PDB file of all heavy atoms in Angstrom:
ATOM      1  N   LYS A   1      31.387  17.569 -18.187  1.00  0.00           N
ATOM      2  CA  LYS A   1      31.880  16.508 -18.951  1.00  0.00           C
ATOM      3  C   LYS A   1      30.816  15.358 -19.279  1.00  0.00           C
ATOM      4  O   LYS A   1      31.137  14.519 -19.984  1.00  0.00           O
ATOM      5  CB  LYS A   1      33.099  15.879 -18.272  1.00  0.00           C
ATOM      6  CG  LYS A   1      34.301  16.880 -18.134  1.00  0.00           C
ATOM      7  CD  LYS A   1      35.503  16.107 -17.557  1.00  0.00           C
ATOM      8  CE  LYS A   1      36.692  17.027 -17.397  1.00  0.00           C
ATOM      9  NZ  LYS A   1      37.809  16.417 -16.816  1.00  0.00           N
ATOM     10  N   GLU A   2      29.632  15.539 -18.615  1.00  0.00           N
ATOM     11  CA  GLU A   2      28.615  14.465 -18.800  1.00  0.00           C
ATOM     12  C   GLU A   2      27.773  14.773 -19.983  1.00  0.00           C
ATOM     13  O   GLU A   2      27.307  15.971 -20.092  1.00  0.00           O
ATOM     14  CB  GLU A   2      27.724  14.348 -17.547  1.00  0.00           C
ATOM     15  CG  GLU A   2      28.423  13.715 -16.413  1.00  0.00           C
ATOM     16  CD  GLU A   2      28.537  12.221 -16.438  1.00  0.00           C
ATOM     17  OE1 GLU A   2      27.753  11.546 -17.308  1.00  0.00           O
ATOM     18  OE2 GLU A   2      29.275  11.614 -15.688  1.00  0.00           O
ATOM     19  N   SER A   3      27.577  13.814 -20.838  1.00  0.00           N
ATOM     20  CA  SER A   3      26.630  14.039 -21.962  1.00  0.00           C
ATOM     21  C   SER A   3      25.140  14.020 -21.398  1.00  0.00           C
ATOM     22  O   SER A   3      24.936  13.376 -20.410  1.00  0.00           O
ATOM     23  CB  SER A   3      26.747  12.896 -23.041  1.00  0.00           C
ATOM     24  OG  SER A   3      26.392  11.702 -22.503  1.00  0.00           O
ATOM     25  N   LYS A   4      24.227  14.554 -22.189  1.00  0.00           N
ATOM     26  CA  LYS A   4      22.876  14.616 -21.702  1.00  0.00           C
ATOM     27  C   LYS A   4      22.274  13.249 -21.589  1.00  0.00           C
ATOM     28  O   LYS A   4      21.598  12.901 -20.566  1.00  0.00           O
ATOM     29  CB  LYS A   4      21.983  15.524 -22.675  1.00  0.00           C
ATOM     30  CG  LYS A   4      22.227  17.028 -22.399  1.00  0.00           C
ATOM     31  CD  LYS A   4      21.300  17.806 -23.293  1.00  0.00           C
ATOM     32  CE  LYS A   4      21.536  19.243 -23.068  1.00  0.00           C
ATOM     33  NZ  LYS A   4      20.586  20.098 -23.874  1.00  0.00           N
ATOM     34  N   PRO A   5      22.437  12.353 -22.590  1.00  0.00           N
ATOM     35  CA  PRO A   5      21.818  10.995 -22.440  1.00  0.00           C
ATOM     36  C   PRO A   5      22.425  10.148 -21.287  1.00  0.00           C
ATOM     37  O   PRO A   5      21.672   9.525 -20.495  1.00  0.00           O
ATOM     38  CB  PRO A   5      22.193  10.322 -23.699  1.00  0.00           C
ATOM     39  CG  PRO A   5      22.454  11.410 -24.723  1.00  0.00           C
ATOM     40  CD  PRO A   5      23.012  12.503 -23.902  1.00  0.00           C
ATOM     41  N   SER A   6      23.699  10.325 -21.110  1.00  0.00           N
ATOM     42  CA  SER A   6      24.368   9.564 -19.947  1.00  0.00           C
ATOM     43  C   SER A   6      23.845  10.166 -18.640  1.00  0.00           C
ATOM     44  O   SER A   6      23.586   9.327 -17.738  1.00  0.00           O
ATOM     45  CB  SER A   6      25.927   9.692 -20.056  1.00  0.00           C
ATOM     46  OG  SER A   6      26.536   9.159 -18.945  1.00  0.00           O
ATOM     47  N   TRP A   7      23.750  11.411 -18.566  1.00  0.00           N
ATOM     48  CA  TRP A   7      23.377  12.066 -17.225  1.00  0.00           C
ATOM     49  C   TRP A   7      21.978  11.716 -16.959  1.00  0.00           C
ATOM     50  O   TRP A   7      21.459  11.456 -15.814  1.00  0.00           O
ATOM     51  CB  TRP A   7      23.575  13.623 -17.329  1.00  0.00           C
ATOM     52  CG  TRP A   7      23.331  14.227 -15.969  1.00  0.00           C
ATOM     53  CD1 TRP A   7      22.357  15.139 -15.720  1.00  0.00           C
ATOM     54  CD2 TRP A   7      24.111  14.003 -14.749  1.00  0.00           C
ATOM     55  NE1 TRP A   7      22.447  15.573 -14.401  1.00  0.00           N
ATOM     56  CE2 TRP A   7      23.506  14.874 -13.747  1.00  0.00           C
ATOM     57  CE3 TRP A   7      25.150  13.232 -14.445  1.00  0.00           C
ATOM     58  CZ2 TRP A   7      24.022  14.858 -12.410  1.00  0.00           C
ATOM     59  CZ3 TRP A   7      25.634  13.302 -13.140  1.00  0.00           C
ATOM     60  CH2 TRP A   7      25.093  14.121 -12.153  1.00  0.00           C
ATOM     61  N   SER A   8      21.087  11.732 -18.009  1.00  0.00           N
ATOM     62  CA  SER A   8      19.638  11.415 -17.853  1.00  0.00           C
ATOM     63  C   SER A   8      19.482  10.147 -17.234  1.00  0.00           C
ATOM     64  O   SER A   8      18.621   9.826 -16.453  1.00  0.00           O
ATOM     65  CB  SER A   8      18.940  11.587 -19.170  1.00  0.00           C
ATOM     66  OG  SER A   8      17.588  11.247 -19.127  1.00  0.00           O
ATOM     67  N   LYS A   9      20.205   9.165 -17.757  1.00  0.00           N
ATOM     68  CA  LYS A   9      20.236   7.697 -17.262  1.00  0.00           C
ATOM     69  C   LYS A   9      20.563   7.670 -15.874  1.00  0.00           C
ATOM     70  O   LYS A   9      19.932   6.934 -15.028  1.00  0.00           O
ATOM     71  CB  LYS A   9      21.115   6.844 -18.155  1.00  0.00           C
ATOM     72  CG  LYS A   9      21.165   5.431 -17.726  1.00  0.00           C
ATOM     73  CD  LYS A   9      22.033   4.528 -18.630  1.00  0.00           C
ATOM     74  CE  LYS A   9      22.076   3.057 -18.228  1.00  0.00           C
ATOM     75  NZ  LYS A   9      23.031   2.259 -18.999  1.00  0.00           N
ATOM     76  N   LYS A  10      21.665   8.392 -15.372  1.00  0.00           N
ATOM     77  CA  LYS A  10      22.067   8.342 -14.004  1.00  0.00           C
ATOM     78  C   LYS A  10      21.120   9.038 -13.097  1.00  0.00           C
ATOM     79  O   LYS A  10      20.831   8.505 -11.973  1.00  0.00           O
ATOM     80  CB  LYS A  10      23.450   9.071 -13.909  1.00  0.00           C
ATOM     81  CG  LYS A  10      24.647   8.354 -14.519  1.00  0.00           C
ATOM     82  CD  LYS A  10      25.896   9.134 -14.330  1.00  0.00           C
ATOM     83  CE  LYS A  10      27.068   8.354 -15.070  1.00  0.00           C
ATOM     84  NZ  LYS A  10      28.421   9.093 -14.937  1.00  0.00           N
ATOM     85  N   VAL A  11      20.363  10.060 -13.532  1.00  0.00           N
ATOM     86  CA  VAL A  11      19.456  10.773 -12.757  1.00  0.00           C
ATOM     87  C   VAL A  11      18.301   9.836 -12.437  1.00  0.00           C
ATOM     88  O   VAL A  11      17.862   9.675 -11.289  1.00  0.00           O
ATOM     89  CB  VAL A  11      18.990  12.070 -13.531  1.00  0.00           C
ATOM     90  CG1 VAL A  11      17.724  12.638 -12.784  1.00  0.00           C
ATOM     91  CG2 VAL A  11      20.085  13.118 -13.532  1.00  0.00           C
ATOM     92  N   LYS A  12      17.790   9.198 -13.556  1.00  0.00           N
ATOM     93  CA  LYS A  12      16.630   8.318 -13.278  1.00  0.00           C
ATOM     94  C   LYS A  12      16.994   7.170 -12.479  1.00  0.00           C
ATOM     95  O   LYS A  12      16.161   6.717 -11.627  1.00  0.00           O
ATOM     96  CB  LYS A  12      16.115   7.811 -14.675  1.00  0.00           C
ATOM     97  CG  LYS A  12      15.464   8.874 -15.592  1.00  0.00           C
ATOM     98  CD  LYS A  12      15.054   8.329 -16.884  1.00  0.00           C
ATOM     99  CE  LYS A  12      14.480   9.410 -17.833  1.00  0.00           C
ATOM    100  NZ  LYS A  12      14.058   8.944 -19.151  1.00  0.00           N
ATOM    101  N   GLU A  13      18.228   6.651 -12.639  1.00  0.00           N
ATOM    102  CA  GLU A  13      18.623   5.542 -11.813  1.00  0.00           C
ATOM    103  C   GLU A  13      18.679   5.780 -10.324  1.00  0.00           C
ATOM    104  O   GLU A  13      18.147   5.112  -9.489  1.00  0.00           O
ATOM    105  CB  GLU A  13      20.030   5.035 -12.233  1.00  0.00           C
ATOM    106  CG  GLU A  13      20.563   3.896 -11.495  1.00  0.00           C
ATOM    107  CD  GLU A  13      21.959   3.446 -11.928  1.00  0.00           C
ATOM    108  OE1 GLU A  13      22.706   4.301 -12.592  1.00  0.00           O
ATOM    109  OE2 GLU A  13      22.424   2.341 -11.623  1.00  0.00           O
ATOM    110  N   HIS A  14      19.281   6.928  -9.951  1.00  0.00           N
ATOM    111  CA  HIS A  14      19.394   7.333  -8.573  1.00  0.00           C
ATOM    112  C   HIS A  14      18.208   7.918  -7.925  1.00  0.00           C
ATOM    113  O   HIS A  14      17.969   7.795  -6.721  1.00  0.00           O
ATOM    114  CB  HIS A  14      20.614   8.242  -8.404  1.00  0.00           C
ATOM    115  CG  HIS A  14      21.900   7.568  -8.666  1.00  0.00           C
ATOM    116  ND1 HIS A  14      22.493   7.425  -9.883  1.00  0.00           N
ATOM    117  CD2 HIS A  14      22.744   6.921  -7.691  1.00  0.00           C
ATOM    118  CE1 HIS A  14      23.585   6.748  -9.784  1.00  0.00           C
ATOM    119  NE2 HIS A  14      23.762   6.475  -8.524  1.00  0.00           N
ATOM    120  N   VAL A  15      17.305   8.610  -8.755  1.00  0.00           N
ATOM    121  CA  VAL A  15      15.973   9.023  -8.235  1.00  0.00           C
ATOM    122  C   VAL A  15      15.155   7.779  -7.905  1.00  0.00           C
ATOM    123  O   VAL A  15      14.451   7.773  -6.845  1.00  0.00           O
ATOM    124  CB  VAL A  15      15.309   9.870  -9.295  1.00  0.00           C
ATOM    125  CG1 VAL A  15      13.790  10.050  -8.864  1.00  0.00           C
ATOM    126  CG2 VAL A  15      15.992  11.220  -9.373  1.00  0.00           C
ATOM    127  N   LYS A  16      15.284   6.731  -8.675  1.00  0.00           N
ATOM    128  CA  LYS A  16      14.584   5.467  -8.431  1.00  0.00           C
ATOM    129  C   LYS A  16      15.094   4.838  -7.146  1.00  0.00           C
ATOM    130  O   LYS A  16      14.314   4.326  -6.326  1.00  0.00           O
ATOM    131  CB  LYS A  16      14.751   4.500  -9.502  1.00  0.00           C
ATOM    132  CG  LYS A  16      13.932   3.190  -9.359  1.00  0.00           C
ATOM    133  CD  LYS A  16      14.084   2.225 -10.499  1.00  0.00           C
ATOM    134  CE  LYS A  16      13.138   1.041 -10.483  1.00  0.00           C
ATOM    135  NZ  LYS A  16      13.377   0.300  -9.197  1.00  0.00           N
ATOM    136  N   TYR A  17      16.382   4.894  -6.835  1.00  0.00           N
ATOM    137  CA  TYR A  17      16.928   4.376  -5.570  1.00  0.00           C
ATOM    138  C   TYR A  17      16.271   5.124  -4.402  1.00  0.00           C
ATOM    139  O   TYR A  17      15.940   4.548  -3.365  1.00  0.00           O
ATOM    140  CB  TYR A  17      18.470   4.675  -5.495  1.00  0.00           C
ATOM    141  CG  TYR A  17      19.367   3.782  -6.451  1.00  0.00           C
ATOM    142  CD1 TYR A  17      20.559   4.242  -6.789  1.00  0.00           C
ATOM    143  CD2 TYR A  17      18.861   2.614  -6.848  1.00  0.00           C
ATOM    144  CE1 TYR A  17      21.364   3.470  -7.638  1.00  0.00           C
ATOM    145  CE2 TYR A  17      19.620   1.839  -7.702  1.00  0.00           C
ATOM    146  CZ  TYR A  17      20.939   2.267  -8.086  1.00  0.00           C
ATOM    147  OH  TYR A  17      21.583   1.495  -8.983  1.00  0.00           O
ATOM    148  N   TYR A  18      16.113   6.435  -4.508  1.00  0.00           N
ATOM    149  CA  TYR A  18      15.517   7.198  -3.476  1.00  0.00           C
ATOM    150  C   TYR A  18      14.082   6.913  -3.304  1.00  0.00           C
ATOM    151  O   TYR A  18      13.549   6.655  -2.139  1.00  0.00           O
ATOM    152  CB  TYR A  18      15.714   8.729  -3.676  1.00  0.00           C
ATOM    153  CG  TYR A  18      15.054   9.645  -2.724  1.00  0.00           C
ATOM    154  CD1 TYR A  18      15.682   9.792  -1.440  1.00  0.00           C
ATOM    155  CD2 TYR A  18      13.799  10.143  -2.861  1.00  0.00           C
ATOM    156  CE1 TYR A  18      15.052  10.553  -0.465  1.00  0.00           C
ATOM    157  CE2 TYR A  18      13.129  10.926  -1.952  1.00  0.00           C
ATOM    158  CZ  TYR A  18      13.788  11.165  -0.693  1.00  0.00           C
ATOM    159  OH  TYR A  18      13.183  11.850   0.314  1.00  0.00           O
ATOM    160  N   THR A  19      13.294   6.861  -4.405  1.00  0.00           N
ATOM    161  CA  THR A  19      11.811   6.612  -4.269  1.00  0.00           C
ATOM    162  C   THR A  19      11.592   5.147  -3.754  1.00  0.00           C
ATOM    163  O   THR A  19      10.695   4.944  -3.041  1.00  0.00           O
ATOM    164  CB  THR A  19      11.116   6.765  -5.665  1.00  0.00           C
ATOM    165  OG1 THR A  19      11.831   5.989  -6.668  1.00  0.00           O
ATOM    166  CG2 THR A  19      11.138   8.293  -6.057  1.00  0.00           C
ATOM    167  N   ASP A  20      12.403   4.115  -4.199  1.00  0.00           N
ATOM    168  CA  ASP A  20      12.299   2.848  -3.674  1.00  0.00           C
ATOM    169  C   ASP A  20      12.609   2.801  -2.156  1.00  0.00           C
ATOM    170  O   ASP A  20      11.937   2.115  -1.325  1.00  0.00           O
ATOM    171  CB  ASP A  20      13.313   1.867  -4.349  1.00  0.00           C
ATOM    172  CG  ASP A  20      12.875   1.586  -5.853  1.00  0.00           C
ATOM    173  OD1 ASP A  20      11.725   1.979  -6.274  1.00  0.00           O
ATOM    174  OD2 ASP A  20      13.704   1.026  -6.536  1.00  0.00           O
ATOM    175  N   TYR A  21      13.655   3.525  -1.708  1.00  0.00           N
ATOM    176  CA  TYR A  21      13.964   3.539  -0.287  1.00  0.00           C
ATOM    177  C   TYR A  21      12.839   4.107   0.543  1.00  0.00           C
ATOM    178  O   TYR A  21      12.427   3.585   1.554  1.00  0.00           O
ATOM    179  CB  TYR A  21      15.282   4.501  -0.135  1.00  0.00           C
ATOM    180  CG  TYR A  21      15.585   4.604   1.353  1.00  0.00           C
ATOM    181  CD1 TYR A  21      16.120   3.581   2.128  1.00  0.00           C
ATOM    182  CD2 TYR A  21      15.315   5.811   1.974  1.00  0.00           C
ATOM    183  CE1 TYR A  21      16.375   3.724   3.436  1.00  0.00           C
ATOM    184  CE2 TYR A  21      15.617   6.038   3.345  1.00  0.00           C
ATOM    185  CZ  TYR A  21      16.081   4.971   4.086  1.00  0.00           C
ATOM    186  OH  TYR A  21      16.325   5.176   5.392  1.00  0.00           O
ATOM    187  N   THR A  22      12.290   5.270   0.138  1.00  0.00           N
ATOM    188  CA  THR A  22      11.214   5.861   0.835  1.00  0.00           C
ATOM    189  C   THR A  22       9.953   5.095   0.844  1.00  0.00           C
ATOM    190  O   THR A  22       9.143   5.009   1.781  1.00  0.00           O
ATOM    191  CB  THR A  22      10.829   7.229   0.326  1.00  0.00           C
ATOM    192  OG1 THR A  22      10.559   7.219  -1.055  1.00  0.00           O
ATOM    193  CG2 THR A  22      12.039   8.275   0.565  1.00  0.00           C
ATOM    194  N   ALA A  23       9.706   4.256  -0.213  1.00  0.00           N
ATOM    195  CA  ALA A  23       8.591   3.377  -0.227  1.00  0.00           C
ATOM    196  C   ALA A  23       8.776   2.217   0.779  1.00  0.00           C
ATOM    197  O   ALA A  23       7.826   1.669   1.302  1.00  0.00           O
ATOM    198  CB  ALA A  23       8.440   2.765  -1.669  1.00  0.00           C
ATOM    199  N   ILE A  24      10.039   1.845   0.960  1.00  0.00           N
ATOM    200  CA  ILE A  24      10.324   0.713   2.049  1.00  0.00           C
ATOM    201  C   ILE A  24      10.109   1.201   3.364  1.00  0.00           C
ATOM    202  O   ILE A  24       9.423   0.561   4.174  1.00  0.00           O
ATOM    203  CB  ILE A  24      11.771   0.189   1.817  1.00  0.00           C
ATOM    204  CG1 ILE A  24      11.833  -0.538   0.540  1.00  0.00           C
ATOM    205  CG2 ILE A  24      12.104  -0.720   3.003  1.00  0.00           C
ATOM    206  CD1 ILE A  24      13.360  -0.908   0.183  1.00  0.00           C
ATOM    207  N   VAL A  25      10.651   2.396   3.766  1.00  0.00           N
ATOM    208  CA  VAL A  25      10.672   2.887   5.180  1.00  0.00           C
ATOM    209  C   VAL A  25       9.376   3.669   5.570  1.00  0.00           C
ATOM    210  O   VAL A  25       9.141   3.994   6.670  1.00  0.00           O
ATOM    211  CB  VAL A  25      11.964   3.622   5.509  1.00  0.00           C
ATOM    212  CG1 VAL A  25      13.122   2.662   5.346  1.00  0.00           C
ATOM    213  CG2 VAL A  25      12.138   4.909   4.704  1.00  0.00           C
ATOM    214  N   GLY A  26       8.717   4.216   4.540  1.00  0.00           N
ATOM    215  CA  GLY A  26       7.651   5.115   4.746  1.00  0.00           C
ATOM    216  C   GLY A  26       8.127   6.467   5.254  1.00  0.00           C
ATOM    217  O   GLY A  26       9.320   6.885   5.072  1.00  0.00           O
ATOM    218  N   TYR A  27       7.238   7.201   6.086  1.00  0.00           N
ATOM    219  CA  TYR A  27       7.698   8.496   6.572  1.00  0.00           C
ATOM    220  C   TYR A  27       6.838   8.799   7.827  1.00  0.00           C
ATOM    221  O   TYR A  27       5.688   8.303   7.959  1.00  0.00           O
ATOM    222  CB  TYR A  27       7.670   9.595   5.560  1.00  0.00           C
ATOM    223  CG  TYR A  27       6.411   9.893   4.981  1.00  0.00           C
ATOM    224  CD1 TYR A  27       5.542  10.895   5.389  1.00  0.00           C
ATOM    225  CD2 TYR A  27       5.941   9.144   3.818  1.00  0.00           C
ATOM    226  CE1 TYR A  27       4.336  11.120   4.796  1.00  0.00           C
ATOM    227  CE2 TYR A  27       4.845   9.391   3.217  1.00  0.00           C
ATOM    228  CZ  TYR A  27       3.943  10.354   3.673  1.00  0.00           C
ATOM    229  OH  TYR A  27       2.734  10.599   3.121  1.00  0.00           O
ATOM    230  N   PRO A  28       7.371   9.679   8.734  1.00  0.00           N
ATOM    231  CA  PRO A  28       6.577   9.944  10.027  1.00  0.00           C
ATOM    232  C   PRO A  28       5.340  10.762   9.647  1.00  0.00           C
ATOM    233  O   PRO A  28       5.528  11.946   9.449  1.00  0.00           O
ATOM    234  CB  PRO A  28       7.626  10.710  10.779  1.00  0.00           C
ATOM    235  CG  PRO A  28       8.531  11.279   9.864  1.00  0.00           C
ATOM    236  CD  PRO A  28       8.703  10.305   8.706  1.00  0.00           C
ATOM    237  N   GLN A  29       4.165  10.213   9.680  1.00  0.00           N
ATOM    238  CA  GLN A  29       2.984  10.937   9.472  1.00  0.00           C
ATOM    239  C   GLN A  29       2.460  11.559  10.674  1.00  0.00           C
ATOM    240  O   GLN A  29       3.073  11.503  11.724  1.00  0.00           O
ATOM    241  CB  GLN A  29       1.938   9.915   8.840  1.00  0.00           C
ATOM    242  CG  GLN A  29       2.413   9.251   7.540  1.00  0.00           C
ATOM    243  CD  GLN A  29       1.442   8.109   7.186  1.00  0.00           C
ATOM    244  OE1 GLN A  29       0.727   7.643   8.019  1.00  0.00           O
ATOM    245  NE2 GLN A  29       1.565   7.578   5.919  1.00  0.00           N
ATOM    246  N   GLU A  30       1.334  12.193  10.604  1.00  0.00           N
ATOM    247  CA  GLU A  30       0.753  12.927  11.824  1.00  0.00           C
ATOM    248  C   GLU A  30       0.556  11.966  12.936  1.00  0.00           C
ATOM    249  O   GLU A  30       0.823  12.266  14.141  1.00  0.00           O
ATOM    250  CB  GLU A  30      -0.519  13.519  11.415  1.00  0.00           C
ATOM    251  CG  GLU A  30      -1.144  14.370  12.545  1.00  0.00           C
ATOM    252  CD  GLU A  30      -2.444  15.048  12.123  1.00  0.00           C
ATOM    253  OE1 GLU A  30      -2.799  15.010  10.967  1.00  0.00           O
ATOM    254  OE2 GLU A  30      -3.174  15.659  12.999  1.00  0.00           O
ATOM    255  N   HIS A  31       0.040  10.765  12.749  1.00  0.00           N
ATOM    256  CA  HIS A  31      -0.157   9.812  13.784  1.00  0.00           C
ATOM    257  C   HIS A  31       0.881   8.705  13.843  1.00  0.00           C
ATOM    258  O   HIS A  31       0.755   7.749  14.538  1.00  0.00           O
ATOM    259  CB  HIS A  31      -1.532   9.171  13.589  1.00  0.00           C
ATOM    260  CG  HIS A  31      -2.723  10.135  13.564  1.00  0.00           C
ATOM    261  ND1 HIS A  31      -3.071  10.861  14.690  1.00  0.00           N
ATOM    262  CD2 HIS A  31      -3.462  10.551  12.585  1.00  0.00           C
ATOM    263  CE1 HIS A  31      -4.050  11.586  14.407  1.00  0.00           C
ATOM    264  NE2 HIS A  31      -4.330  11.491  13.149  1.00  0.00           N
ATOM    265  N   GLY A  32       2.054   8.922  13.166  1.00  0.00           N
ATOM    266  CA  GLY A  32       3.066   8.024  13.292  1.00  0.00           C
ATOM    267  C   GLY A  32       3.083   6.942  12.275  1.00  0.00           C
ATOM    268  O   GLY A  32       1.917   6.491  11.829  1.00  0.00           O
ATOM    269  N   ASP A  33       4.195   6.527  11.725  1.00  0.00           N
ATOM    270  CA  ASP A  33       4.278   5.545  10.639  1.00  0.00           C
ATOM    271  C   ASP A  33       4.230   4.081  11.373  1.00  0.00           C
ATOM    272  O   ASP A  33       4.964   3.851  12.336  1.00  0.00           O
ATOM    273  CB  ASP A  33       5.503   5.675   9.902  1.00  0.00           C
ATOM    274  CG  ASP A  33       5.775   4.523   8.847  1.00  0.00           C
ATOM    275  OD1 ASP A  33       4.949   4.595   7.969  1.00  0.00           O
ATOM    276  OD2 ASP A  33       6.647   3.769   9.057  1.00  0.00           O
ATOM    277  N   ALA A  34       3.436   3.225  10.813  1.00  0.00           N
ATOM    278  CA  ALA A  34       3.164   1.930  11.438  1.00  0.00           C
ATOM    279  C   ALA A  34       4.410   1.056  11.478  1.00  0.00           C
ATOM    280  O   ALA A  34       4.830   0.455  12.491  1.00  0.00           O
ATOM    281  CB  ALA A  34       2.144   1.160  10.729  1.00  0.00           C
ATOM    282  N   LYS A  35       5.284   1.107  10.376  1.00  0.00           N
ATOM    283  CA  LYS A  35       6.491   0.334  10.392  1.00  0.00           C
ATOM    284  C   LYS A  35       7.551   0.913  11.292  1.00  0.00           C
ATOM    285  O   LYS A  35       8.233   0.105  11.970  1.00  0.00           O
ATOM    286  CB  LYS A  35       7.018   0.296   8.846  1.00  0.00           C
ATOM    287  CG  LYS A  35       8.152  -0.668   8.750  1.00  0.00           C
ATOM    288  CD  LYS A  35       8.487  -0.796   7.206  1.00  0.00           C
ATOM    289  CE  LYS A  35       9.587  -1.793   7.060  1.00  0.00           C
ATOM    290  NZ  LYS A  35       9.935  -2.001   5.582  1.00  0.00           N
ATOM    291  N   TRP A  36       7.620   2.126  11.416  1.00  0.00           N
ATOM    292  CA  TRP A  36       8.480   2.866  12.243  1.00  0.00           C
ATOM    293  C   TRP A  36       8.216   2.521  13.762  1.00  0.00           C
ATOM    294  O   TRP A  36       9.046   2.199  14.559  1.00  0.00           O
ATOM    295  CB  TRP A  36       8.414   4.346  12.035  1.00  0.00           C
ATOM    296  CG  TRP A  36       9.132   5.335  12.994  1.00  0.00           C
ATOM    297  CD1 TRP A  36       8.554   6.404  13.577  1.00  0.00           C
ATOM    298  CD2 TRP A  36      10.491   5.255  13.407  1.00  0.00           C
ATOM    299  NE1 TRP A  36       9.452   7.035  14.280  1.00  0.00           N
ATOM    300  CE2 TRP A  36      10.659   6.434  14.209  1.00  0.00           C
ATOM    301  CE3 TRP A  36      11.599   4.438  13.156  1.00  0.00           C
ATOM    302  CZ2 TRP A  36      11.853   6.663  14.903  1.00  0.00           C
ATOM    303  CZ3 TRP A  36      12.774   4.681  13.807  1.00  0.00           C
ATOM    304  CH2 TRP A  36      12.874   5.854  14.613  1.00  0.00           C
TER     305      TRP A  36
END
């Protein structure tokens, strides 16, 4: 039921939420994440 333009907008919006989140918290690297 979703149109392509509408869905494309939602995809970009929520992918940005995820990328912004991972940018904030980082991730466990080989020697450990400094913020963690």
